[in-house]
Amino acid sequence: MRDILPIQVQYEPTKPDHDRRLVILTFALCGGVAGILLAAITAYFVRRRSTSREKLHNITQPDTEASQDYQDLCRQRMASKANEKPEPVHTVNSPKKIRSLSQEGQASSSSHSSTSSW
């Protein structure tokens, strides 16, 4: 059997300047893409921060029209409450009723148990 040796090919550039230009072009393109990506990310975060600052600024300075509407609504509510008849508080009329209720509880204690029967 014959020994089969792999063929080794030596790379010899035909134009050495051509390879150098390709390397420089590759690095320039990668740098350009990275720069554009970095600029886009920076613009996103700057915009996000400015909108959040604007929201906080709007919160700290109240809207006069909205607060005026709220005050008018509170005045209307208070005026309607003043016109309404107040609900009566449930009170016990007399001490006799209290005594009768306590006596009923003692008299019927045998008929009512604290535990239910199943």
PDB file of N, CA and C in Angstrom:
ATOM      1  N   MET A   1       0.816  -1.166   0.000  1.00  0.00           N
ATOM      2  CA  MET A   1       0.000   0.000   0.000  1.00  0.00           C
ATOM      3  C   MET A   1       0.871   1.245   0.000  1.00  0.00           C
ATOM      4  N   ARG A   2       0.291   2.163  -0.642  1.00  0.00           N
ATOM      5  CA  ARG A   2       1.039   3.414  -0.692  1.00  0.00           C
ATOM      6  C   ARG A   2       0.656   4.301   0.480  1.00  0.00           C
ATOM      7  N   ASP A   3       1.584   4.990   0.959  1.00  0.00           N
ATOM      8  CA  ASP A   3       1.301   5.962   2.020  1.00  0.00           C
ATOM      9  C   ASP A   3       0.746   7.210   1.361  1.00  0.00           C
ATOM     10  N   ILE A   4      -0.462   7.572   1.825  1.00  0.00           N
ATOM     11  CA  ILE A   4      -1.091   8.769   1.283  1.00  0.00           C
ATOM     12  C   ILE A   4      -0.823   9.913   2.250  1.00  0.00           C
ATOM     13  N   LEU A   5      -0.112  10.840   1.784  1.00  0.00           N
ATOM     14  CA  LEU A   5       0.202  12.005   2.589  1.00  0.00           C
ATOM     15  C   LEU A   5      -0.724  13.138   2.186  1.00  0.00           C
ATOM     16  N   PRO A   6      -1.202  13.885   3.198  1.00  0.00           N
ATOM     17  CA  PRO A   6      -2.051  15.012   2.841  1.00  0.00           C
ATOM     18  C   PRO A   6      -1.222  16.055   2.099  1.00  0.00           C
ATOM     19  N   ILE A   7      -1.893  16.639   1.168  1.00  0.00           N
ATOM     20  CA  ILE A   7      -1.229  17.659   0.384  1.00  0.00           C
ATOM     21  C   ILE A   7      -1.248  18.955   1.177  1.00  0.00           C
ATOM     22  N   GLN A   8      -0.120  19.527   1.335  1.00  0.00           N
ATOM     23  CA  GLN A   8      -0.022  20.786   2.063  1.00  0.00           C
ATOM     24  C   GLN A   8       0.117  21.913   1.056  1.00  0.00           C
ATOM     25  N   VAL A   9      -0.765  22.892   1.254  1.00  0.00           N
ATOM     26  CA  VAL A   9      -0.749  24.029   0.351  1.00  0.00           C
ATOM     27  C   VAL A   9      -0.231  25.229   1.126  1.00  0.00           C
ATOM     28  N   GLN A  10       0.675  25.872   0.604  1.00  0.00           N
ATOM     29  CA  GLN A  10       1.215  27.074   1.208  1.00  0.00           C
ATOM     30  C   GLN A  10       0.439  28.269   0.678  1.00  0.00           C
ATOM     31  N   TYR A  11       0.033  29.150   1.602  1.00  0.00           N
ATOM     32  CA  TYR A  11      -0.710  30.344   1.196  1.00  0.00           C
ATOM     33  C   TYR A  11       0.277  31.449   0.903  1.00  0.00           C
ATOM     34  N   GLU A  12       0.230  31.871  -0.280  1.00  0.00           N
ATOM     35  CA  GLU A  12       1.083  32.985  -0.668  1.00  0.00           C
ATOM     36  C   GLU A  12       0.196  34.039  -1.310  1.00  0.00           C
ATOM     37  N   PRO A  13       0.009  35.157  -0.617  1.00  0.00           N
ATOM     38  CA  PRO A  13      -0.850  36.167  -1.209  1.00  0.00           C
ATOM     39  C   PRO A  13      -0.244  36.708  -2.498  1.00  0.00           C
ATOM     40  N   THR A  14      -1.149  36.895  -3.433  1.00  0.00           N
ATOM     41  CA  THR A  14      -0.676  37.430  -4.698  1.00  0.00           C
ATOM     42  C   THR A  14      -0.428  38.918  -4.589  1.00  0.00           C
ATOM     43  N   LYS A  15      -1.293  39.555  -3.773  1.00  0.00           N
ATOM     44  CA  LYS A  15      -1.140  40.996  -3.569  1.00  0.00           C
ATOM     45  C   LYS A  15      -1.145  41.263  -2.064  1.00  0.00           C
ATOM     46  N   PRO A  16      -0.030  41.469  -1.433  1.00  0.00           N
ATOM     47  CA  PRO A  16       0.000  41.690   0.010  1.00  0.00           C
ATOM     48  C   PRO A  16      -0.759  42.940   0.444  1.00  0.00           C
ATOM     49  N   ASP A  17      -0.832  43.954  -0.370  1.00  0.00           N
ATOM     50  CA  ASP A  17      -1.593  45.158  -0.021  1.00  0.00           C
ATOM     51  C   ASP A  17      -3.089  44.881   0.052  1.00  0.00           C
ATOM     52  N   HIS A  18      -3.557  43.917  -0.746  1.00  0.00           N
ATOM     53  CA  HIS A  18      -4.985  43.580  -0.786  1.00  0.00           C
ATOM     54  C   HIS A  18      -5.441  43.017   0.573  1.00  0.00           C
ATOM     55  N   ASP A  19      -4.670  42.142   1.185  1.00  0.00           N
ATOM     56  CA  ASP A  19      -5.013  41.566   2.490  1.00  0.00           C
ATOM     57  C   ASP A  19      -5.035  42.641   3.577  1.00  0.00           C
ATOM     58  N   ARG A  20      -4.091  43.521   3.548  1.00  0.00           N
ATOM     59  CA  ARG A  20      -4.036  44.590   4.543  1.00  0.00           C
ATOM     60  C   ARG A  20      -5.254  45.495   4.419  1.00  0.00           C
ATOM     61  N   ARG A  21      -5.667  45.773   3.205  1.00  0.00           N
ATOM     62  CA  ARG A  21      -6.854  46.614   2.988  1.00  0.00           C
ATOM     63  C   ARG A  21      -8.112  45.930   3.510  1.00  0.00           C
ATOM     64  N   LEU A  22      -8.221  44.616   3.304  1.00  0.00           N
ATOM     65  CA  LEU A  22      -9.387  43.882   3.805  1.00  0.00           C
ATOM     66  C   LEU A  22      -9.454  43.914   5.333  1.00  0.00           C
ATOM     67  N   VAL A  23      -8.326  43.778   5.994  1.00  0.00           N
ATOM     68  CA  VAL A  23      -8.296  43.820   7.455  1.00  0.00           C
ATOM     69  C   VAL A  23      -8.707  45.209   7.943  1.00  0.00           C
ATOM     70  N   ILE A  24      -8.175  46.231   7.315  1.00  0.00           N
ATOM     71  CA  ILE A  24      -8.516  47.603   7.705  1.00  0.00           C
ATOM     72  C   ILE A  24      -9.998  47.875   7.452  1.00  0.00           C
ATOM     73  N   LEU A  25     -10.520  47.414   6.310  1.00  0.00           N
ATOM     74  CA  LEU A  25     -11.934  47.605   5.985  1.00  0.00           C
ATOM     75  C   LEU A  25     -12.835  46.868   6.978  1.00  0.00           C
ATOM     76  N   THR A  26     -12.447  45.656   7.360  1.00  0.00           N
ATOM     77  CA  THR A  26     -13.230  44.876   8.332  1.00  0.00           C
ATOM     78  C   THR A  26     -13.280  45.599   9.673  1.00  0.00           C
ATOM     79  N   PHE A  27     -12.150  46.070  10.156  1.00  0.00           N
ATOM     80  CA  PHE A  27     -12.137  46.792  11.432  1.00  0.00           C
ATOM     81  C   PHE A  27     -12.928  48.099  11.347  1.00  0.00           C
ATOM     82  N   ALA A  28     -12.862  48.769  10.221  1.00  0.00           N
ATOM     83  CA  ALA A  28     -13.603  50.020  10.055  1.00  0.00           C
ATOM     84  C   ALA A  28     -15.113  49.757  10.072  1.00  0.00           C
ATOM     85  N   LEU A  29     -15.550  48.694   9.393  1.00  0.00           N
ATOM     86  CA  LEU A  29     -16.984  48.371   9.388  1.00  0.00           C
ATOM     87  C   LEU A  29     -17.465  47.956  10.778  1.00  0.00           C
ATOM     88  N   CYS A  30     -16.687  47.137  11.455  1.00  0.00           N
ATOM     89  CA  CYS A  30     -17.077  46.724  12.817  1.00  0.00           C
ATOM     90  C   CYS A  30     -17.120  47.929  13.761  1.00  0.00           C
ATOM     91  N   GLY A  31     -16.162  48.820  13.623  1.00  0.00           N
ATOM     92  CA  GLY A  31     -16.155  50.028  14.447  1.00  0.00           C
ATOM     93  C   GLY A  31     -17.340  50.927  14.153  1.00  0.00           C
ATOM     94  N   GLY A  32     -17.700  51.040  12.876  1.00  0.00           N
ATOM     95  CA  GLY A  32     -18.865  51.851  12.496  1.00  0.00           C
ATOM     96  C   GLY A  32     -20.169  51.287  13.046  1.00  0.00           C
ATOM     97  N   VAL A  33     -20.327  49.964  12.932  1.00  0.00           N
ATOM     98  CA  VAL A  33     -21.544  49.311  13.458  1.00  0.00           C
ATOM     99  C   VAL A  33     -21.604  49.466  14.974  1.00  0.00           C
ATOM    100  N   ALA A  34     -20.481  49.283  15.652  1.00  0.00           N
ATOM    101  CA  ALA A  34     -20.452  49.447  17.110  1.00  0.00           C
ATOM    102  C   ALA A  34     -20.758  50.886  17.502  1.00  0.00           C
ATOM    103  N   GLY A  35     -20.245  51.854  16.745  1.00  0.00           N
ATOM    104  CA  GLY A  35     -20.521  53.269  17.030  1.00  0.00           C
ATOM    105  C   GLY A  35     -21.992  53.605  16.861  1.00  0.00           C
ATOM    106  N   ILE A  36     -22.595  53.095  15.780  1.00  0.00           N
ATOM    107  CA  ILE A  36     -24.024  53.344  15.553  1.00  0.00           C
ATOM    108  C   ILE A  36     -24.860  52.704  16.650  1.00  0.00           C
ATOM    109  N   LEU A  37     -24.512  51.483  17.037  1.00  0.00           N
ATOM    110  CA  LEU A  37     -25.238  50.793  18.105  1.00  0.00           C
ATOM    111  C   LEU A  37     -25.101  51.541  19.430  1.00  0.00           C
ATOM    112  N   LEU A  38     -23.905  51.997  19.731  1.00  0.00           N
ATOM    113  CA  LEU A  38     -23.681  52.750  20.972  1.00  0.00           C
ATOM    114  C   LEU A  38     -24.448  54.068  20.967  1.00  0.00           C
ATOM    115  N   ALA A  39     -24.495  54.744  19.819  1.00  0.00           N
ATOM    116  CA  ALA A  39     -25.244  56.001  19.716  1.00  0.00           C
ATOM    117  C   ALA A  39     -26.742  55.762  19.898  1.00  0.00           C
ATOM    118  N   ALA A  40     -27.256  54.667  19.331  1.00  0.00           N
ATOM    119  CA  ALA A  40     -28.683  54.364  19.471  1.00  0.00           C
ATOM    120  C   ALA A  40     -29.038  54.052  20.918  1.00  0.00           C
ATOM    121  N   ILE A  41     -28.199  53.294  21.600  1.00  0.00           N
ATOM    122  CA  ILE A  41     -28.462  52.961  23.013  1.00  0.00           C
ATOM    123  C   ILE A  41     -28.398  54.223  23.874  1.00  0.00           C
ATOM    124  N   THR A  42     -27.418  55.073  23.618  1.00  0.00           N
ATOM    125  CA  THR A  42     -27.293  56.325  24.370  1.00  0.00           C
ATOM    126  C   THR A  42     -28.500  57.223  24.147  1.00  0.00           C
ATOM    127  N   ALA A  43     -28.952  57.334  22.895  1.00  0.00           N
ATOM    128  CA  ALA A  43     -30.131  58.161  22.591  1.00  0.00           C
ATOM    129  C   ALA A  43     -31.366  57.611  23.301  1.00  0.00           C
ATOM    130  N   TYR A  44     -31.510  56.289  23.357  1.00  0.00           N
ATOM    131  CA  TYR A  44     -32.656  55.677  24.036  1.00  0.00           C
ATOM    132  C   TYR A  44     -32.668  56.050  25.518  1.00  0.00           C
ATOM    133  N   PHE A  45     -31.516  55.905  26.175  1.00  0.00           N
ATOM    134  CA  PHE A  45     -31.478  56.195  27.612  1.00  0.00           C
ATOM    135  C   PHE A  45     -31.633  57.686  27.906  1.00  0.00           C
ATOM    136  N   VAL A  46     -31.093  58.538  27.069  1.00  0.00           N
ATOM    137  CA  VAL A  46     -31.261  59.980  27.263  1.00  0.00           C
ATOM    138  C   VAL A  46     -32.724  60.362  27.118  1.00  0.00           C
ATOM    139  N   ARG A  47     -33.380  59.810  26.118  1.00  0.00           N
ATOM    140  CA  ARG A  47     -34.805  60.108  25.905  1.00  0.00           C
ATOM    141  C   ARG A  47     -35.653  59.589  27.054  1.00  0.00           C
ATOM    142  N   ARG A  48     -35.336  58.383  27.508  1.00  0.00           N
ATOM    143  CA  ARG A  48     -36.090  57.790  28.620  1.00  0.00           C
ATOM    144  C   ARG A  48     -35.934  58.632  29.890  1.00  0.00           C
ATOM    145  N   ARG A  49     -34.723  59.107  30.131  1.00  0.00           N
ATOM    146  CA  ARG A  49     -34.494  59.918  31.324  1.00  0.00           C
ATOM    147  C   ARG A  49     -35.218  61.260  31.233  1.00  0.00           C
ATOM    148  N   SER A  50     -35.230  61.865  30.046  1.00  0.00           N
ATOM    149  CA  SER A  50     -35.894  63.162  29.903  1.00  0.00           C
ATOM    150  C   SER A  50     -37.414  63.028  30.074  1.00  0.00           C
ATOM    151  N   THR A  51     -37.993  61.935  29.578  1.00  0.00           N
ATOM    152  CA  THR A  51     -39.439  61.757  29.767  1.00  0.00           C
ATOM    153  C   THR A  51     -39.775  61.504  31.233  1.00  0.00           C
ATOM    154  N   SER A  52     -38.918  60.755  31.947  1.00  0.00           N
ATOM    155  CA  SER A  52     -39.198  60.520  33.364  1.00  0.00           C
ATOM    156  C   SER A  52     -39.033  61.806  34.170  1.00  0.00           C
ATOM    157  N   ARG A  53     -38.058  62.647  33.802  1.00  0.00           N
ATOM    158  CA  ARG A  53     -37.903  63.940  34.490  1.00  0.00           C
ATOM    159  C   ARG A  53     -39.106  64.842  34.225  1.00  0.00           C
ATOM    160  N   GLU A  54     -39.614  64.793  32.994  1.00  0.00           N
ATOM    161  CA  GLU A  54     -40.781  65.616  32.656  1.00  0.00           C
ATOM    162  C   GLU A  54     -42.001  65.167  33.436  1.00  0.00           C
ATOM    163  N   LYS A  55     -42.163  63.853  33.594  1.00  0.00           N
ATOM    164  CA  LYS A  55     -43.286  63.341  34.376  1.00  0.00           C
ATOM    165  C   LYS A  55     -43.174  63.779  35.831  1.00  0.00           C
ATOM    166  N   LEU A  56     -41.974  63.679  36.397  1.00  0.00           N
ATOM    167  CA  LEU A  56     -41.781  64.108  37.787  1.00  0.00           C
ATOM    168  C   LEU A  56     -42.016  65.600  37.935  1.00  0.00           C
ATOM    169  N   HIS A  57     -41.613  66.370  36.958  1.00  0.00           N
ATOM    170  CA  HIS A  57     -41.822  67.812  37.003  1.00  0.00           C
ATOM    171  C   HIS A  57     -43.319  68.126  36.977  1.00  0.00           C
ATOM    172  N   ASN A  58     -44.082  67.383  36.159  1.00  0.00           N
ATOM    173  CA  ASN A  58     -45.526  67.613  36.089  1.00  0.00           C
ATOM    174  C   ASN A  58     -46.224  67.202  37.380  1.00  0.00           C
ATOM    175  N   ILE A  59     -45.674  66.220  38.074  1.00  0.00           N
ATOM    176  CA  ILE A  59     -46.282  65.786  39.334  1.00  0.00           C
ATOM    177  C   ILE A  59     -46.065  66.838  40.420  1.00  0.00           C
ATOM    178  N   THR A  60     -44.868  67.418  40.455  1.00  0.00           N
ATOM    179  CA  THR A  60     -44.573  68.364  41.528  1.00  0.00           C
ATOM    180  C   THR A  60     -45.307  69.685  41.361  1.00  0.00           C
ATOM    181  N   GLN A  61     -45.632  70.071  40.135  1.00  0.00           N
ATOM    182  CA  GLN A  61     -46.392  71.299  39.909  1.00  0.00           C
ATOM    183  C   GLN A  61     -47.833  70.920  39.557  1.00  0.00           C
ATOM    184  N   PRO A  62     -48.757  71.130  40.490  1.00  0.00           N
ATOM    185  CA  PRO A  62     -50.121  70.691  40.261  1.00  0.00           C
ATOM    186  C   PRO A  62     -50.789  71.470  39.132  1.00  0.00           C
ATOM    187  N   ASP A  63     -51.674  70.781  38.470  1.00  0.00           N
ATOM    188  CA  ASP A  63     -52.464  71.399  37.403  1.00  0.00           C
ATOM    189  C   ASP A  63     -53.554  72.231  38.070  1.00  0.00           C
ATOM    190  N   THR A  64     -53.567  73.520  37.814  1.00  0.00           N
ATOM    191  CA  THR A  64     -54.516  74.398  38.501  1.00  0.00           C
ATOM    192  C   THR A  64     -55.954  74.097  38.086  1.00  0.00           C
ATOM    193  N   GLU A  65     -56.153  73.726  36.836  1.00  0.00           N
ATOM    194  CA  GLU A  65     -57.516  73.422  36.381  1.00  0.00           C
ATOM    195  C   GLU A  65     -58.053  72.174  37.063  1.00  0.00           C
ATOM    196  N   ALA A  66     -57.244  71.141  37.162  1.00  0.00           N
ATOM    197  CA  ALA A  66     -57.684  69.900  37.799  1.00  0.00           C
ATOM    198  C   ALA A  66     -57.929  70.110  39.286  1.00  0.00           C
ATOM    199  N   SER A  67     -57.059  70.852  39.957  1.00  0.00           N
ATOM    200  CA  SER A  67     -57.263  71.083  41.386  1.00  0.00           C
ATOM    201  C   SER A  67     -58.493  71.960  41.623  1.00  0.00           C
ATOM    202  N   GLN A  68     -58.749  72.887  40.719  1.00  0.00           N
ATOM    203  CA  GLN A  68     -59.947  73.728  40.827  1.00  0.00           C
ATOM    204  C   GLN A  68     -61.205  72.873  40.669  1.00  0.00           C
ATOM    205  N   ASP A  69     -61.183  71.935  39.707  1.00  0.00           N
ATOM    206  CA  ASP A  69     -62.317  71.032  39.519  1.00  0.00           C
ATOM    207  C   ASP A  69     -62.537  70.180  40.759  1.00  0.00           C
ATOM    208  N   TYR A  70     -61.455  69.699  41.363  1.00  0.00           N
ATOM    209  CA  TYR A  70     -61.560  68.879  42.562  1.00  0.00           C
ATOM    210  C   TYR A  70     -62.159  69.681  43.715  1.00  0.00           C
ATOM    211  N   GLN A  71     -61.735  70.914  43.876  1.00  0.00           N
ATOM    212  CA  GLN A  71     -62.283  71.755  44.938  1.00  0.00           C
ATOM    213  C   GLN A  71     -63.775  72.012  44.716  1.00  0.00           C
ATOM    214  N   ASP A  72     -64.166  72.250  43.464  1.00  0.00           N
ATOM    215  CA  ASP A  72     -65.593  72.447  43.170  1.00  0.00           C
ATOM    216  C   ASP A  72     -66.390  71.198  43.495  1.00  0.00           C
ATOM    217  N   LEU A  73     -65.836  70.041  43.181  1.00  0.00           N
ATOM    218  CA  LEU A  73     -66.520  68.787  43.472  1.00  0.00           C
ATOM    219  C   LEU A  73     -66.691  68.600  44.972  1.00  0.00           C
ATOM    220  N   CYS A  74     -65.664  68.938  45.755  1.00  0.00           N
ATOM    221  CA  CYS A  74     -65.760  68.835  47.213  1.00  0.00           C
ATOM    222  C   CYS A  74     -66.813  69.795  47.760  1.00  0.00           C
ATOM    223  N   ARG A  75     -66.871  70.999  47.219  1.00  0.00           N
ATOM    224  CA  ARG A  75     -67.884  71.957  47.674  1.00  0.00           C
ATOM    225  C   ARG A  75     -69.289  71.456  47.378  1.00  0.00           C
ATOM    226  N   GLN A  76     -69.483  70.887  46.195  1.00  0.00           N
ATOM    227  CA  GLN A  76     -70.806  70.350  45.839  1.00  0.00           C
ATOM    228  C   GLN A  76     -71.185  69.208  46.773  1.00  0.00           C
ATOM    229  N   ARG A  77     -70.238  68.348  47.085  1.00  0.00           N
ATOM    230  CA  ARG A  77     -70.511  67.219  47.964  1.00  0.00           C
ATOM    231  C   ARG A  77     -70.882  67.704  49.359  1.00  0.00           C
ATOM    232  N   MET A  78     -70.147  68.672  49.873  1.00  0.00           N
ATOM    233  CA  MET A  78     -70.448  69.198  51.207  1.00  0.00           C
ATOM    234  C   MET A  78     -71.797  69.911  51.229  1.00  0.00           C
ATOM    235  N   ALA A  79     -72.130  70.604  50.151  1.00  0.00           N
ATOM    236  CA  ALA A  79     -73.418  71.283  50.088  1.00  0.00           C
ATOM    237  C   ALA A  79     -74.553  70.272  50.054  1.00  0.00           C
ATOM    238  N   SER A  80     -74.367  69.169  49.349  1.00  0.00           N
ATOM    239  CA  SER A  80     -75.432  68.155  49.290  1.00  0.00           C
ATOM    240  C   SER A  80     -75.557  67.444  50.626  1.00  0.00           C
ATOM    241  N   LYS A  81     -74.438  67.263  51.356  1.00  0.00           N
ATOM    242  CA  LYS A  81     -74.508  66.646  52.675  1.00  0.00           C
ATOM    243  C   LYS A  81     -75.238  67.545  53.656  1.00  0.00           C
ATOM    244  N   ALA A  82     -75.051  68.847  53.535  1.00  0.00           N
ATOM    245  CA  ALA A  82     -75.710  69.784  54.447  1.00  0.00           C
ATOM    246  C   ALA A  82     -77.219  69.777  54.221  1.00  0.00           C
ATOM    247  N   ASN A  83     -77.663  69.541  52.991  1.00  0.00           N
ATOM    248  CA  ASN A  83     -79.090  69.514  52.686  1.00  0.00           C
ATOM    249  C   ASN A  83     -79.751  68.198  53.060  1.00  0.00           C
ATOM    250  N   GLU A  84     -78.971  67.128  53.186  1.00  0.00           N
ATOM    251  CA  GLU A  84     -79.542  65.826  53.527  1.00  0.00           C
ATOM    252  C   GLU A  84     -79.939  65.787  55.000  1.00  0.00           C
ATOM    253  N   LYS A  85     -80.924  64.948  55.294  1.00  0.00           N
ATOM    254  CA  LYS A  85     -81.369  64.762  56.667  1.00  0.00           C
ATOM    255  C   LYS A  85     -80.418  63.764  57.337  1.00  0.00           C
ATOM    256  N   PRO A  86     -79.877  64.098  58.474  1.00  0.00           N
ATOM    257  CA  PRO A  86     -78.956  63.166  59.127  1.00  0.00           C
ATOM    258  C   PRO A  86     -79.693  61.914  59.599  1.00  0.00           C
ATOM    259  N   GLU A  87     -79.029  60.784  59.523  1.00  0.00           N
ATOM    260  CA  GLU A  87     -79.634  59.531  59.962  1.00  0.00           C
ATOM    261  C   GLU A  87     -79.706  59.508  61.482  1.00  0.00           C
ATOM    262  N   PRO A  88     -80.822  59.012  62.031  1.00  0.00           N
ATOM    263  CA  PRO A  88     -80.935  58.952  63.488  1.00  0.00           C
ATOM    264  C   PRO A  88     -80.029  57.859  64.048  1.00  0.00           C
ATOM    265  N   VAL A  89     -79.508  58.131  65.211  1.00  0.00           N
ATOM    266  CA  VAL A  89     -78.664  57.161  65.894  1.00  0.00           C
ATOM    267  C   VAL A  89     -79.591  56.236  66.658  1.00  0.00           C
ATOM    268  N   HIS A  90     -79.347  54.952  66.596  1.00  0.00           N
ATOM    269  CA  HIS A  90     -80.188  53.983  67.310  1.00  0.00           C
ATOM    270  C   HIS A  90     -79.905  54.062  68.800  1.00  0.00           C
ATOM    271  N   THR A  91     -80.930  54.423  69.557  1.00  0.00           N
ATOM    272  CA  THR A  91     -80.767  54.556  71.003  1.00  0.00           C
ATOM    273  C   THR A  91     -81.833  53.740  71.690  1.00  0.00           C
ATOM    274  N   VAL A  92     -81.566  53.418  72.909  1.00  0.00           N
ATOM    275  CA  VAL A  92     -82.541  52.704  73.736  1.00  0.00           C
ATOM    276  C   VAL A  92     -83.446  53.748  74.375  1.00  0.00           C
ATOM    277  N   ASN A  93     -84.745  53.536  74.299  1.00  0.00           N
ATOM    278  CA  ASN A  93     -85.696  54.540  74.768  1.00  0.00           C
ATOM    279  C   ASN A  93     -85.699  54.716  76.282  1.00  0.00           C
ATOM    280  N   SER A  94     -85.735  53.638  77.001  1.00  0.00           N
ATOM    281  CA  SER A  94     -85.856  53.800  78.449  1.00  0.00           C
ATOM    282  C   SER A  94     -85.122  52.683  79.180  1.00  0.00           C
ATOM    283  N   PRO A  95     -84.873  52.890  80.473  1.00  0.00           N
ATOM    284  CA  PRO A  95     -84.222  51.837  81.260  1.00  0.00           C
ATOM    285  C   PRO A  95     -85.107  50.614  81.433  1.00  0.00           C
ATOM    286  N   LYS A  96     -86.464  50.792  81.339  1.00  0.00           N
ATOM    287  CA  LYS A  96     -87.376  49.653  81.470  1.00  0.00           C
ATOM    288  C   LYS A  96     -87.112  48.635  80.373  1.00  0.00           C
ATOM    289  N   LYS A  97     -86.840  49.143  79.179  1.00  0.00           N
ATOM    290  CA  LYS A  97     -86.594  48.252  78.054  1.00  0.00           C
ATOM    291  C   LYS A  97     -85.304  47.465  78.284  1.00  0.00           C
ATOM    292  N   ILE A  98     -84.302  48.099  78.879  1.00  0.00           N
ATOM    293  CA  ILE A  98     -83.054  47.403  79.163  1.00  0.00           C
ATOM    294  C   ILE A  98     -83.293  46.286  80.163  1.00  0.00           C
ATOM    295  N   ARG A  99     -84.092  46.596  81.215  1.00  0.00           N
ATOM    296  CA  ARG A  99     -84.382  45.585  82.230  1.00  0.00           C
ATOM    297  C   ARG A  99     -85.169  44.429  81.631  1.00  0.00           C
ATOM    298  N   SER A 100     -86.129  44.762  80.781  1.00  0.00           N
ATOM    299  CA  SER A 100     -86.951  43.695  80.210  1.00  0.00           C
ATOM    300  C   SER A 100     -86.106  42.807  79.285  1.00  0.00           C
ATOM    301  N   LEU A 101     -85.171  43.412  78.577  1.00  0.00           N
ATOM    302  CA  LEU A 101     -84.309  42.612  77.707  1.00  0.00           C
ATOM    303  C   LEU A 101     -83.395  41.717  78.528  1.00  0.00           C
ATOM    304  N   SER A 102     -82.886  42.231  79.645  1.00  0.00           N
ATOM    305  CA  SER A 102     -82.011  41.401  80.469  1.00  0.00           C
ATOM    306  C   SER A 102     -82.791  40.287  81.147  1.00  0.00           C
ATOM    307  N   GLN A 103     -84.047  40.536  81.522  1.00  0.00           N
ATOM    308  CA  GLN A 103     -84.866  39.503  82.140  1.00  0.00           C
ATOM    309  C   GLN A 103     -85.245  38.432  81.116  1.00  0.00           C
ATOM    310  N   GLU A 104     -85.487  38.843  79.893  1.00  0.00           N
ATOM    311  CA  GLU A 104     -85.799  37.866  78.862  1.00  0.00           C
ATOM    312  C   GLU A 104     -84.620  36.929  78.643  1.00  0.00           C
ATOM    313  N   GLY A 105     -83.424  37.457  78.715  1.00  0.00           N
ATOM    314  CA  GLY A 105     -82.227  36.640  78.514  1.00  0.00           C
ATOM    315  C   GLY A 105     -82.080  35.621  79.625  1.00  0.00           C
ATOM    316  N   GLN A 106     -82.425  35.986  80.854  1.00  0.00           N
ATOM    317  CA  GLN A 106     -82.323  35.057  81.981  1.00  0.00           C
ATOM    318  C   GLN A 106     -83.434  34.023  81.922  1.00  0.00           C
ATOM    319  N   ALA A 107     -84.633  34.430  81.550  1.00  0.00           N
ATOM    320  CA  ALA A 107     -85.764  33.516  81.544  1.00  0.00           C
ATOM    321  C   ALA A 107     -85.620  32.479  80.434  1.00  0.00           C
ATOM    322  N   SER A 108     -85.110  32.861  79.335  1.00  0.00           N
ATOM    323  CA  SER A 108     -85.067  31.939  78.204  1.00  0.00           C
ATOM    324  C   SER A 108     -83.701  31.280  78.048  1.00  0.00           C
ATOM    325  N   SER A 109     -82.879  31.357  79.078  1.00  0.00           N
ATOM    326  CA  SER A 109     -81.553  30.764  78.969  1.00  0.00           C
ATOM    327  C   SER A 109     -81.623  29.249  78.851  1.00  0.00           C
ATOM    328  N   SER A 110     -82.660  28.644  79.406  1.00  0.00           N
ATOM    329  CA  SER A 110     -82.780  27.189  79.309  1.00  0.00           C
ATOM    330  C   SER A 110     -83.202  26.761  77.908  1.00  0.00           C
ATOM    331  N   SER A 111     -83.985  27.611  77.226  1.00  0.00           N
ATOM    332  CA  SER A 111     -84.431  27.235  75.891  1.00  0.00           C
ATOM    333  C   SER A 111     -83.361  27.478  74.838  1.00  0.00           C
ATOM    334  N   HIS A 112     -82.455  28.391  75.130  1.00  0.00           N
ATOM    335  CA  HIS A 112     -81.388  28.683  74.185  1.00  0.00           C
ATOM    336  C   HIS A 112     -80.067  28.173  74.750  1.00  0.00           C
ATOM    337  N   SER A 113     -79.397  27.436  73.978  1.00  0.00           N
ATOM    338  CA  SER A 113     -78.117  26.910  74.429  1.00  0.00           C
ATOM    339  C   SER A 113     -76.999  27.607  73.641  1.00  0.00           C
ATOM    340  N   SER A 114     -75.832  27.632  74.223  1.00  0.00           N
ATOM    341  CA  SER A 114     -74.728  28.273  73.543  1.00  0.00           C
ATOM    342  C   SER A 114     -74.174  27.391  72.423  1.00  0.00           C
ATOM    343  N   THR A 115     -74.490  26.116  72.517  1.00  0.00           N
ATOM    344  CA  THR A 115     -74.058  25.210  71.441  1.00  0.00           C
ATOM    345  C   THR A 115     -75.274  24.761  70.651  1.00  0.00           C
ATOM    346  N   SER A 116     -75.087  24.639  69.378  1.00  0.00           N
ATOM    347  CA  SER A 116     -76.231  24.212  68.556  1.00  0.00           C
ATOM    348  C   SER A 116     -76.349  22.696  68.604  1.00  0.00           C
ATOM    349  N   SER A 117     -77.544  22.224  68.459  1.00  0.00           N
ATOM    350  CA  SER A 117     -77.762  20.764  68.449  1.00  0.00           C
ATOM    351  C   SER A 117     -77.831  20.311  67.007  1.00  0.00           C
ATOM    352  N   TRP A 118     -77.146  19.267  66.749  1.00  0.00           N
ATOM    353  CA  TRP A 118     -77.090  18.785  65.376  1.00  0.00           C
ATOM    354  C   TRP A 118     -78.051  17.695  65.220  1.00  0.00           C
TER     355      TRP A 118
END
